[in-house]
Every structure is written in C-alpha cells, then in structure tokens.
Amino acid sequence: MLESIDMSLVDWSRGQFALTAMFHWIFVPLTLGLSFIVAYMHSMYVRTGDEEWKRITKFWMKLFGINFAIGVSTGIILEFEFGTNWSNYSWFVGDIFGAPLAVEGILAFFLESTFVAIMFFGWNKVSKRFHLAASWLTAFGANLSAVWILVANAWMQHPVGTAFNPDLARNEMTSFWDVVFSPVAVNKFLHTVTSSFLLASVFVMAISAWFLLRKREILFAKRSTVVAAVFGVIAGIATIFTGDSSARIVAREQPMKFAAMEALYEGQTHAPLVAIGAMRTDTTRLPNPRQDFIFKFEIPNALSYMVFLTPSGFVPGITDLVYGNESQDLISYEEKIERGAVAI
C-alpha cells in the first residue's frame, strides 16, 4: 500500500500548508494585541473627548484592519486545506478536531466580523458608547478565535478526552471539557496571547519611534508610546511566566520534541542549557555528545532546573527516547512498535 502513495504529493501538501501558515502567523499575533491597544485608545477618546485620541485611534485602527483582513483570508484558506490536503486525517479525528474549529467559526468569527464593521464604519453613525463597545467586542472576538484554534492545536500535541472506536476506525470525543481545559491547551493559549500582546506593543512603539526620530506627530507618537510601553511591560512579564510553564509541559508531554529543541542527545541529570552554540551539519547519524556542537556556551544545571525545578532532575535525550534507557524506565522505539502492533 505504501508503494501507491505519491510522497511528492505529501511534500507539496506540507509545503502549501506551511507557506499559508507562515503568512497567517505573521499577521494574526499583531491583531490579537493591537485590537486591545486600539480599544483602550478608543476608550480614552470617549472618556476625554480629546480629538487627538480620536486621530490616534483611527490611525492604529487602519493598521489593525490591514492585519485583520490578511489574517482572516489566510485563516480561511488554512481551514480549507485541512479538508483537502489532509482529508484522511480530518476524517479520522474530525469528531474531536472539528468541534473547536466549528465553535470558532460559529461563535468567535461571527462576533468579531460583525462588530469589526461597526468599529470601522460607525464613526458619527452610532452612539459613542456603542461604537466603543464594538471596539472592545472586536478585540475579545479576535482573542476568542485564538482560544478555539489553539485548543485544536493543543489536542494534536496532547490528545485527551477521546477514545478510539474500532467499529468505525475513528477517534471520538468523550469529554469536550477535557479537550478545552487540558493543561496544554490552557498554557498554549495564555503563552500565545501574552506573547502576541508583547509583539503588538513593540510594533506600536517602533512606528511611534519612527515619528519621533523625524520630529513628526510628536504628541501622537508620545501618547502611543506610553500606551504601548505599559501594555508591553505587563505582557512581557506574563510571557515570561507562561513560557516557563510551557517548557515544563512540553518536557512532560512531548519529551522528544523538548530534546530536539534543546539539541540534547544524551540524557543526564544536572543538564546544562546551551545558551549559544553552532551545531554540526552532519545529520546522517546520531552524533557523539562531545561532537554535536562546533562550539557552545552552557549554563550549568539550567535545563534540569527549568524542567524539574531542581538541578538533579534527569532530562531524557534523543538517544534515550530512541533506543531506551532501562535505568529511567524509558522503552525503545522498537518496543513501542511491537506494542503498537499488538494494540492494532
């Protein structure tokens, strides 16, 4: 059966999906954070009545709109590609994977797409307070979309709340709430939105700095910088904590991914964290742990502490996970294949 699969088609499908996702992910994080910055600036205009705040709000609203339009268009293409490029996968796990995507389309997408029109075209057409409410609802709707997309992504990383139905040869959802509130999903959402808020604040400050350097729109740039700086500091602190917990979750649920991320071939206690290094390009074999880097600068014990909050924690490496490690109760890939064959 494998001989009938056109692997070039698989490669093209991956390439198309990756290209779309790259464009999608350039613009979406900006909209998540920029929407709340715009809503706050809009609030300042409604509260003070200062026309300068109105100008500021309209300027950043235009940039939000450009990113929003590209994010929506690429996101719709991505959802179609799930059913075209990965039709077998969509059928096999559609009962679980499709649920959060459906909720996102019905609830979040319609919420933001409805109120974004009022936000852009409601100036002097609806009351100031209703117009302001539209800005905030657009911001919440955009971030609510992220909830459901990231829930679907988190389930792929750590399947929960599901059972395999041997009669239909499909996975079926057993608990919607287990899928939504899995630790991976919660952390993935929090880390994504906080880092997106940080990105948006840097974006606003960078454009404001451009105006200041050219001594143009000084009041506009100063006010934008203050709002973005405060927003960014809060988001940055939150990003640190969510990123720290994200590392521990990945190490626990996806140890091979964590070992690959850290280029750790031989598991060890008191594992150091490679802060700076250049790896060798020969990937035809598992390298000798003493020869995997051309050069590297390590922080002693940092990797073990990052995962287990103690330097004595054992962090499994790639060779441990591939070939097994009896002292750490890690089985080899060959044994996993044998157990899988029995299960099938």
Protein backbone atom coordinates (compact mmCIF):
# COMPACT_ATOMS: atom_id res chain seq x y z
CA MET A 1 0.00 0.00 0.00
CA LEU A 2 2.86 2.37 0.77
CA GLU A 3 4.10 1.95 -2.81
CA SER A 4 0.90 3.57 -4.09
CA ILE A 5 1.41 6.77 -2.09
CA ASP A 6 2.88 9.65 -4.05
CA MET A 7 5.28 11.09 -1.48
CA SER A 8 5.87 14.17 -3.64
CA LEU A 9 2.18 14.97 -3.12
CA VAL A 10 2.71 14.77 0.63
CA ASP A 11 5.67 17.13 0.37
CA TRP A 12 3.72 19.60 -1.75
CA SER A 13 0.80 19.45 0.69
CA ARG A 14 3.12 20.15 3.59
CA GLY A 15 4.79 22.97 1.69
CA GLN A 16 1.50 24.61 0.77
CA PHE A 17 0.17 24.34 4.31
CA ALA A 18 3.43 25.65 5.80
CA LEU A 19 3.51 28.62 3.42
CA THR A 20 -0.07 29.57 4.26
CA ALA A 21 0.54 29.13 7.98
CA MET A 22 3.65 31.32 7.85
CA PHE A 23 1.74 34.20 6.29
CA HIS A 24 -1.16 33.63 8.66
CA TRP A 25 1.08 33.72 11.71
CA ILE A 26 2.87 36.91 10.67
CA PHE A 27 -0.33 38.93 10.88
CA VAL A 28 -2.54 37.20 13.46
CA PRO A 29 -0.42 37.91 16.58
CA LEU A 30 -0.43 41.60 15.69
CA THR A 31 -4.23 41.66 15.54
CA LEU A 32 -4.58 39.91 18.91
CA GLY A 33 -2.62 42.58 20.75
CA LEU A 34 -3.34 45.57 18.54
CA SER A 35 -7.09 45.09 18.96
CA PHE A 36 -6.86 45.72 22.72
CA ILE A 37 -4.48 48.68 22.26
CA VAL A 38 -6.95 50.24 19.81
CA ALA A 39 -9.86 49.57 22.16
CA TYR A 40 -8.01 51.27 25.03
CA MET A 41 -7.17 54.31 22.87
CA HIS A 42 -10.81 54.44 21.79
CA SER A 43 -11.79 54.41 25.46
CA MET A 44 -9.51 57.37 26.11
CA TYR A 45 -11.22 59.32 23.33
CA VAL A 46 -14.72 58.57 24.64
CA ARG A 47 -13.71 59.40 28.23
CA THR A 48 -11.85 62.65 27.49
CA GLY A 49 -13.45 63.84 24.24
CA ASP A 50 -9.95 64.80 23.06
CA GLU A 51 -9.85 64.82 19.25
CA GLU A 52 -6.17 63.84 19.33
CA TRP A 53 -7.12 60.48 20.86
CA LYS A 54 -9.62 60.05 18.01
CA ARG A 55 -6.84 60.61 15.45
CA ILE A 56 -4.60 58.15 17.28
CA THR A 57 -7.37 55.55 17.43
CA LYS A 58 -8.17 55.87 13.74
CA PHE A 59 -4.51 55.55 12.72
CA TRP A 60 -3.90 52.32 14.64
CA MET A 61 -7.33 51.05 13.66
CA LYS A 62 -6.29 51.22 10.00
CA LEU A 63 -3.17 49.15 10.67
CA PHE A 64 -5.25 46.70 12.68
CA GLY A 65 -7.68 46.42 9.75
CA ILE A 66 -4.93 45.55 7.26
CA ASN A 67 -3.58 42.81 9.51
CA PHE A 68 -7.09 41.60 10.32
CA ALA A 69 -8.02 41.23 6.64
CA ILE A 70 -4.90 39.24 5.77
CA GLY A 71 -5.22 37.11 8.92
CA VAL A 72 -8.84 36.22 8.12
CA SER A 73 -8.17 35.41 4.46
CA THR A 74 -5.19 33.17 5.20
CA GLY A 75 -7.05 31.54 8.11
CA ILE A 76 -9.97 30.56 5.88
CA ILE A 77 -7.54 29.03 3.39
CA LEU A 78 -5.92 27.03 6.20
CA GLU A 79 -9.26 25.58 7.25
CA PHE A 80 -9.99 24.50 3.68
CA GLU A 81 -6.55 22.88 3.50
CA PHE A 82 -7.41 20.69 6.48
CA GLY A 83 -10.12 19.09 4.37
CA THR A 84 -8.18 18.99 1.11
CA ASN A 85 -4.51 18.37 1.94
CA TRP A 86 -5.27 16.24 5.00
CA SER A 87 -8.65 14.72 4.21
CA ASN A 88 -7.88 11.31 5.77
CA TYR A 89 -6.68 12.94 8.96
CA SER A 90 -9.74 15.18 9.06
CA TRP A 91 -11.97 12.13 8.73
CA PHE A 92 -10.03 10.12 11.32
CA VAL A 93 -10.11 12.80 14.06
CA GLY A 94 -12.82 15.09 12.73
CA ASP A 95 -15.13 14.34 15.66
CA ILE A 96 -12.65 15.98 18.04
CA PHE A 97 -10.57 18.29 15.87
CA GLY A 98 -13.56 19.72 14.04
CA ALA A 99 -15.50 20.67 17.18
CA PRO A 100 -13.37 23.63 18.34
CA LEU A 101 -12.99 24.81 14.74
CA ALA A 102 -16.77 24.78 14.36
CA VAL A 103 -17.22 26.71 17.63
CA GLU A 104 -14.62 29.23 16.45
CA GLY A 105 -16.47 29.79 13.19
CA ILE A 106 -19.94 29.98 14.69
CA LEU A 107 -19.15 31.97 17.85
CA ALA A 108 -15.88 33.90 17.70
CA PHE A 109 -15.55 34.61 13.99
CA PHE A 110 -19.09 35.89 13.63
CA LEU A 111 -18.68 38.00 16.78
CA GLU A 112 -15.58 39.79 15.53
CA SER A 113 -16.70 40.00 11.88
CA THR A 114 -19.99 41.61 12.96
CA PHE A 115 -18.56 44.24 15.29
CA VAL A 116 -15.43 45.00 13.25
CA ALA A 117 -17.71 46.62 10.65
CA ILE A 118 -19.27 48.83 13.32
CA MET A 119 -15.81 49.61 14.70
CA PHE A 120 -14.53 50.84 11.31
CA PHE A 121 -17.64 52.49 9.86
CA GLY A 122 -19.56 53.51 12.99
CA TRP A 123 -17.94 56.93 13.46
CA ASN A 124 -20.74 59.50 13.80
CA LYS A 125 -23.29 56.83 12.80
CA VAL A 126 -23.90 55.14 16.15
CA SER A 127 -23.56 56.42 19.70
CA LYS A 128 -20.06 56.84 21.10
CA ARG A 129 -20.61 54.21 23.77
CA PHE A 130 -22.00 51.62 21.37
CA HIS A 131 -19.13 52.36 19.00
CA LEU A 132 -16.67 51.85 21.86
CA ALA A 133 -18.41 48.60 22.81
CA ALA A 134 -17.91 47.41 19.21
CA SER A 135 -14.16 48.02 19.51
CA TRP A 136 -13.92 46.00 22.72
CA LEU A 137 -16.11 43.19 21.36
CA THR A 138 -13.92 43.01 18.26
CA ALA A 139 -10.87 42.65 20.49
CA PHE A 140 -12.48 39.94 22.61
CA GLY A 141 -13.79 38.19 19.49
CA ALA A 142 -10.34 38.09 17.89
CA ASN A 143 -8.81 36.59 21.02
CA LEU A 144 -11.76 34.22 21.42
CA SER A 145 -10.96 32.89 17.96
CA ALA A 146 -7.44 32.17 19.19
CA VAL A 147 -8.88 30.12 22.06
CA TRP A 148 -10.56 27.59 19.80
CA ILE A 149 -7.79 27.40 17.21
CA LEU A 150 -5.24 26.76 19.95
CA VAL A 151 -7.50 24.18 21.60
CA ALA A 152 -7.50 22.25 18.32
CA ASN A 153 -3.73 22.60 18.01
CA ALA A 154 -3.18 21.57 21.63
CA TRP A 155 -5.24 18.42 21.11
CA MET A 156 -2.94 17.41 18.26
CA GLN A 157 0.04 17.88 20.57
CA HIS A 158 -1.58 16.10 23.54
CA PRO A 159 -4.76 14.10 22.72
CA VAL A 160 -7.19 13.98 25.65
CA GLY A 161 -10.92 13.47 26.06
CA THR A 162 -11.06 10.96 23.21
CA ALA A 163 -11.47 7.24 22.58
CA PHE A 164 -10.83 5.08 19.54
CA ASN A 165 -13.90 3.41 18.04
CA PRO A 166 -12.72 0.12 16.44
CA ASP A 167 -16.03 -0.37 14.61
CA LEU A 168 -15.63 2.88 12.66
CA ALA A 169 -11.82 3.11 12.93
CA ARG A 170 -12.19 6.70 14.09
CA ASN A 171 -11.38 8.72 17.17
CA GLU A 172 -14.44 10.03 19.01
CA MET A 173 -14.74 12.73 21.64
CA THR A 174 -15.59 11.52 25.14
CA SER A 175 -15.30 14.83 27.01
CA PHE A 176 -15.49 18.25 25.37
CA TRP A 177 -14.33 19.97 28.54
CA ASP A 178 -11.25 17.74 28.86
CA VAL A 179 -10.28 18.86 25.38
CA VAL A 180 -10.89 22.55 26.13
CA PHE A 181 -9.25 22.68 29.56
CA SER A 182 -6.30 20.36 29.06
CA PRO A 183 -3.11 21.83 30.59
CA VAL A 184 -1.53 22.02 27.14
CA ALA A 185 -4.47 23.98 25.71
CA VAL A 186 -4.64 26.42 28.62
CA ASN A 187 -0.91 27.09 28.57
CA LYS A 188 -0.76 27.31 24.78
CA PHE A 189 -3.47 29.95 24.75
CA LEU A 190 -2.00 32.02 27.59
CA HIS A 191 1.51 31.94 26.17
CA THR A 192 0.33 32.73 22.65
CA VAL A 193 -1.82 35.73 23.57
CA THR A 194 0.67 37.22 26.04
CA SER A 195 3.49 36.97 23.51
CA SER A 196 1.15 38.42 20.87
CA PHE A 197 0.39 41.36 23.16
CA LEU A 198 4.13 41.90 23.57
CA LEU A 199 4.62 41.82 19.79
CA ALA A 200 1.84 44.38 19.24
CA SER A 201 3.33 46.73 21.81
CA VAL A 202 6.74 46.55 20.11
CA PHE A 203 5.04 47.19 16.75
CA VAL A 204 3.31 50.33 18.06
CA MET A 205 6.45 51.60 19.78
CA ALA A 206 8.57 51.03 16.66
CA ILE A 207 6.28 53.10 14.43
CA SER A 208 5.97 55.76 17.12
CA ALA A 209 9.76 55.90 17.41
CA TRP A 210 9.96 56.48 13.64
CA PHE A 211 7.73 59.54 14.00
CA LEU A 212 9.75 60.83 16.96
CA LEU A 213 13.06 60.43 15.13
CA ARG A 214 11.70 62.54 12.28
CA LYS A 215 10.10 65.02 14.68
CA ARG A 216 6.66 64.44 13.21
CA GLU A 217 3.35 63.98 15.07
CA ILE A 218 5.12 64.32 18.42
CA LEU A 219 2.01 64.22 20.63
CA PHE A 220 0.59 61.28 18.68
CA ALA A 221 3.87 59.35 18.98
CA LYS A 222 4.35 60.08 22.68
CA ARG A 223 0.84 59.02 23.64
CA SER A 224 1.08 55.86 21.53
CA THR A 225 4.46 55.03 23.07
CA VAL A 226 3.17 55.38 26.63
CA VAL A 227 0.15 53.14 25.99
CA ALA A 228 2.23 50.52 24.17
CA ALA A 229 5.04 50.60 26.76
CA VAL A 230 2.72 49.94 29.71
CA PHE A 231 0.85 47.27 27.75
CA GLY A 232 4.15 45.69 26.71
CA VAL A 233 5.67 45.58 30.20
CA ILE A 234 2.61 43.79 31.60
CA ALA A 235 2.52 41.41 28.61
CA GLY A 236 6.26 40.78 28.84
CA ILE A 237 6.09 39.74 32.48
CA ALA A 238 3.16 37.43 31.72
CA THR A 239 5.03 35.97 28.74
CA ILE A 240 7.98 35.03 30.96
CA PHE A 241 5.78 33.03 33.34
CA THR A 242 3.70 31.34 30.62
CA GLY A 243 6.83 30.50 28.63
CA ASP A 244 8.44 28.95 31.68
CA SER A 245 5.45 26.71 32.33
CA SER A 246 5.27 25.90 28.61
CA ALA A 247 8.78 24.42 28.70
CA ARG A 248 7.85 22.10 31.56
CA ILE A 249 4.65 20.99 29.84
CA VAL A 250 6.48 20.19 26.59
CA ALA A 251 9.18 18.29 28.52
CA ARG A 252 6.50 16.24 30.28
CA GLU A 253 4.09 15.57 27.41
CA GLN A 254 6.46 15.62 24.40
CA PRO A 255 9.94 14.71 25.64
CA MET A 256 11.29 14.02 22.14
CA LYS A 257 10.24 17.46 20.97
CA PHE A 258 11.89 19.01 24.01
CA ALA A 259 15.12 17.04 23.47
CA ALA A 260 15.21 18.11 19.82
CA MET A 261 14.53 21.74 20.75
CA GLU A 262 17.46 21.71 23.15
CA ALA A 263 19.72 19.53 20.94
CA LEU A 264 20.13 17.12 23.87
CA TYR A 265 21.30 13.71 22.62
CA GLU A 266 22.38 12.05 25.85
CA GLY A 267 20.01 12.39 28.80
CA GLN A 268 21.53 13.49 32.07
CA THR A 269 20.97 14.93 35.48
CA HIS A 270 22.34 18.42 36.11
CA ALA A 271 21.74 19.01 32.40
CA PRO A 272 23.13 22.34 31.18
CA LEU A 273 21.24 24.78 28.97
CA VAL A 274 23.02 25.70 25.74
CA ALA A 275 22.64 29.48 25.54
CA ILE A 276 24.73 30.00 22.40
CA GLY A 277 26.13 27.38 20.06
CA ALA A 278 26.68 26.22 16.49
CA MET A 279 25.77 22.63 15.63
CA ARG A 280 27.48 20.43 13.10
CA THR A 281 25.60 19.91 9.84
CA ASP A 282 26.14 16.14 9.54
CA THR A 283 22.74 14.68 10.40
CA THR A 284 23.27 11.24 8.86
CA ARG A 285 23.89 9.70 12.26
CA LEU A 286 23.33 10.46 15.90
CA PRO A 287 26.45 12.44 16.82
CA ASN A 288 28.75 11.75 19.68
CA PRO A 289 27.53 14.01 22.50
CA ARG A 290 31.00 15.52 22.65
CA GLN A 291 30.96 16.35 18.95
CA ASP A 292 27.42 17.59 18.33
CA PHE A 293 28.40 21.28 18.58
CA ILE A 294 31.23 23.11 16.87
CA PHE A 295 31.20 25.43 19.86
CA LYS A 296 28.72 26.16 22.64
CA PHE A 297 28.25 28.24 25.76
CA GLU A 298 26.35 26.39 28.50
CA ILE A 299 24.58 27.48 31.65
CA PRO A 300 25.24 24.68 34.21
CA ASN A 301 22.20 22.81 35.62
CA ALA A 302 19.80 25.24 33.93
CA LEU A 303 17.98 22.70 31.75
CA SER A 304 17.30 20.29 34.61
CA TYR A 305 16.15 23.14 36.81
CA MET A 306 13.93 24.56 34.06
CA VAL A 307 12.09 21.25 33.71
CA PHE A 308 12.04 19.88 37.27
CA LEU A 309 12.85 22.97 39.39
CA THR A 310 15.80 21.01 40.77
CA PRO A 311 19.27 20.53 39.24
CA SER A 312 19.21 16.79 39.99
CA GLY A 313 16.30 16.08 37.60
CA PHE A 314 17.01 13.68 34.73
CA VAL A 315 16.25 15.19 31.32
CA PRO A 316 15.96 12.41 28.68
CA GLY A 317 17.89 12.92 25.46
CA ILE A 318 17.20 11.82 21.90
CA THR A 319 19.21 8.59 22.21
CA ASP A 320 17.34 7.67 25.43
CA LEU A 321 14.00 8.10 23.72
CA VAL A 322 15.03 6.29 20.53
CA TYR A 323 16.98 3.36 21.98
CA GLY A 324 15.55 3.27 25.51
CA ASN A 325 17.10 3.69 28.93
CA GLU A 326 16.35 0.96 31.45
CA SER A 327 17.62 2.96 34.42
CA GLN A 328 14.97 5.63 33.68
CA ASP A 329 12.22 3.20 32.58
CA LEU A 330 12.32 4.50 29.01
CA ILE A 331 11.47 1.95 26.31
CA SER A 332 12.96 1.94 22.81
CA TYR A 333 11.12 2.75 19.61
CA GLU A 334 11.34 -0.93 18.61
CA GLU A 335 9.42 -1.98 21.71
CA LYS A 336 6.87 0.75 21.09
CA ILE A 337 6.35 -0.60 17.58
CA GLU A 338 5.86 -4.11 18.94
CA ARG A 339 3.32 -2.89 21.50
CA GLY A 340 1.58 -0.89 18.78
CA ALA A 341 1.32 -3.96 16.58
CA VAL A 342 -0.32 -5.87 19.45
CA ALA A 343 -2.73 -2.97 20.01
CA ILE A 344 -3.67 -2.87 16.32
